[in-house]
């Protein structure tokens, strides 16, 4: 089991997978930010933005993309 975990982490940090996950994070995360906080951004009241929620909004698509890519690679 340890070997499988090491392989998973090695693949997760592989440049092609990390770059793909970053691209997904930026596109999907930005769309979600606009959907969820567009009205706040448009009003210009930036201090009201929930910073932790915004960080998580970007981390979730990154995590999903990484998990999907690594799992697909391991299933080959």
C-alpha atoms as a PDB file:
ATOM      1  CA  UNK A   1       0.000   0.000   0.000  1.00  0.00           C
ATOM      2  CA  UNK A   2       2.864   2.383   0.723  1.00  0.00           C
ATOM      3  CA  UNK A   3       4.172   1.927  -2.807  1.00  0.00           C
ATOM      4  CA  UNK A   4       0.766   2.839  -4.252  1.00  0.00           C
ATOM      5  CA  UNK A   5       0.638   6.028  -2.140  1.00  0.00           C
ATOM      6  CA  UNK A   6       4.126   7.044  -3.237  1.00  0.00           C
ATOM      7  CA  UNK A   7       3.174   6.424  -6.858  1.00  0.00           C
ATOM      8  CA  UNK A   8      -0.006   8.485  -6.448  1.00  0.00           C
ATOM      9  CA  UNK A   9       1.901  11.435  -4.975  1.00  0.00           C
ATOM     10  CA  UNK A  10       4.630  11.185  -7.606  1.00  0.00           C
ATOM     11  CA  UNK A  11       2.027  11.333 -10.356  1.00  0.00           C
ATOM     12  CA  UNK A  12       0.149  14.173  -8.648  1.00  0.00           C
ATOM     13  CA  UNK A  13       3.279  16.334  -8.764  1.00  0.00           C
ATOM     14  CA  UNK A  14       4.184  15.367 -12.327  1.00  0.00           C
ATOM     15  CA  UNK A  15       4.467  18.620 -14.320  1.00  0.00           C
ATOM     16  CA  UNK A  16       1.870  17.693 -16.969  1.00  0.00           C
ATOM     17  CA  UNK A  17      -0.734  16.777 -14.350  1.00  0.00           C
ATOM     18  CA  UNK A  18       0.035  19.766 -12.128  1.00  0.00           C
ATOM     19  CA  UNK A  19      -0.182  22.171 -15.081  1.00  0.00           C
ATOM     20  CA  UNK A  20      -3.482  20.677 -16.251  1.00  0.00           C
ATOM     21  CA  UNK A  21      -4.875  20.957 -12.734  1.00  0.00           C
ATOM     22  CA  UNK A  22      -3.743  24.585 -12.472  1.00  0.00           C
ATOM     23  CA  UNK A  23      -5.480  25.435 -15.743  1.00  0.00           C
ATOM     24  CA  UNK A  24      -8.704  23.763 -14.592  1.00  0.00           C
ATOM     25  CA  UNK A  25      -8.414  25.536 -11.237  1.00  0.00           C
ATOM     26  CA  UNK A  26      -8.077  28.960 -12.861  1.00  0.00           C
ATOM     27  CA  UNK A  27     -10.925  28.513 -15.344  1.00  0.00           C
ATOM     28  CA  UNK A  28     -13.453  26.675 -13.158  1.00  0.00           C
ATOM     29  CA  UNK A  29     -12.536  28.576  -9.986  1.00  0.00           C
ATOM     30  CA  UNK A  30     -12.903  31.947 -11.729  1.00  0.00           C
ATOM     31  CA  UNK A  31     -16.292  30.992 -13.185  1.00  0.00           C
ATOM     32  CA  UNK A  32     -17.477  29.880  -9.740  1.00  0.00           C
ATOM     33  CA  UNK A  33     -16.189  33.127  -8.177  1.00  0.00           C
ATOM     34  CA  UNK A  34     -18.134  35.154 -10.741  1.00  0.00           C
ATOM     35  CA  UNK A  35     -21.276  33.098 -10.148  1.00  0.00           C
ATOM     36  CA  UNK A  36     -21.053  33.253  -6.355  1.00  0.00           C
ATOM     37  CA  UNK A  37     -19.499  36.677  -5.758  1.00  0.00           C
ATOM     38  CA  UNK A  38     -20.085  38.635  -8.965  1.00  0.00           C
ATOM     39  CA  UNK A  39     -22.537  40.997  -7.306  1.00  0.00           C
ATOM     40  CA  UNK A  40     -20.084  41.792  -4.494  1.00  0.00           C
ATOM     41  CA  UNK A  41     -17.245  42.308  -6.976  1.00  0.00           C
ATOM     42  CA  UNK A  42     -19.424  44.550  -9.151  1.00  0.00           C
ATOM     43  CA  UNK A  43     -20.409  46.693  -6.170  1.00  0.00           C
ATOM     44  CA  UNK A  44     -16.749  47.308  -5.339  1.00  0.00           C
ATOM     45  CA  UNK A  45     -17.089  46.270  -1.707  1.00  0.00           C
ATOM     46  CA  UNK A  46     -14.037  44.025  -1.666  1.00  0.00           C
ATOM     47  CA  UNK A  47     -13.566  43.909   2.142  1.00  0.00           C
ATOM     48  CA  UNK A  48     -16.771  41.849   2.352  1.00  0.00           C
ATOM     49  CA  UNK A  49     -15.332  39.003   0.294  1.00  0.00           C
ATOM     50  CA  UNK A  50     -14.940  35.747   2.250  1.00  0.00           C
ATOM     51  CA  UNK A  51     -11.272  35.036   1.534  1.00  0.00           C
ATOM     52  CA  UNK A  52     -11.242  31.470   2.887  1.00  0.00           C
ATOM     53  CA  UNK A  53     -14.249  30.508   0.773  1.00  0.00           C
ATOM     54  CA  UNK A  54     -12.600  31.989  -2.316  1.00  0.00           C
ATOM     55  CA  UNK A  55      -9.414  30.000  -1.676  1.00  0.00           C
ATOM     56  CA  UNK A  56     -11.475  26.823  -1.290  1.00  0.00           C
ATOM     57  CA  UNK A  57     -13.390  27.691  -4.463  1.00  0.00           C
ATOM     58  CA  UNK A  58     -10.093  27.448  -6.344  1.00  0.00           C
ATOM     59  CA  UNK A  59      -8.721  24.456  -4.440  1.00  0.00           C
ATOM     60  CA  UNK A  60     -11.717  22.197  -5.086  1.00  0.00           C
ATOM     61  CA  UNK A  61     -11.398  22.144  -8.906  1.00  0.00           C
ATOM     62  CA  UNK A  62      -7.609  21.732  -8.553  1.00  0.00           C
ATOM     63  CA  UNK A  63      -8.111  18.747  -6.270  1.00  0.00           C
ATOM     64  CA  UNK A  64     -10.743  17.150  -8.491  1.00  0.00           C
ATOM     65  CA  UNK A  65      -8.630  17.584 -11.624  1.00  0.00           C
ATOM     66  CA  UNK A  66      -5.545  16.165  -9.911  1.00  0.00           C
ATOM     67  CA  UNK A  67      -7.451  13.214  -8.479  1.00  0.00           C
ATOM     68  CA  UNK A  68      -9.054  12.447 -11.837  1.00  0.00           C
ATOM     69  CA  UNK A  69      -5.786  12.666 -13.771  1.00  0.00           C
ATOM     70  CA  UNK A  70      -3.818  10.517 -11.328  1.00  0.00           C
ATOM     71  CA  UNK A  71      -6.582   7.932 -11.048  1.00  0.00           C
ATOM     72  CA  UNK A  72      -6.889   7.700 -14.827  1.00  0.00           C
ATOM     73  CA  UNK A  73      -3.128   7.281 -15.165  1.00  0.00           C
ATOM     74  CA  UNK A  74      -3.072   4.529 -12.534  1.00  0.00           C
ATOM     75  CA  UNK A  75      -5.979   2.695 -14.197  1.00  0.00           C
ATOM     76  CA  UNK A  76      -4.052   2.433 -17.487  1.00  0.00           C
END
